[in-house]
């Protein structure tokens, strides 16, 4: 971004698996004065619009156009909160899926153990009746 004197950048990956699990489908931040968004193809249009709005707001603030920036600031803040909530939910869903997988693995192990115990009991009973 610095080399190209860009005010913002978008990292786009085809699927959320291309991003760190804690990011979910969307992450944003700053690199010096430049803004960036990391997202999936699904959110590319929203991320471009979001960056455009943030850069425009920054320009308006630097020009001290206060009346125009107040409404934009509130709208962008609402958008940021929604995106943050979305990312938080995605992280929680990922954790829940991992926990479910672990529980299923534990249940599979328990099924095997129960089956072996039933076979052992049956074998002892069969020996005792003969």
Foldseek 3Di string as FASTA:
>chain_A
DVVVPDQEEEAEDADCVVDPQLQQAKDWDDDVRHIYMYGYPVCPVVRVVLRVLVVVLVVCVVVVPVVVNVVSVVVSVVVVVVSVVNSVVSSVVVVVVVVVVVVVVVVVVVVVVVVVVVVVVVVVVVVVVD
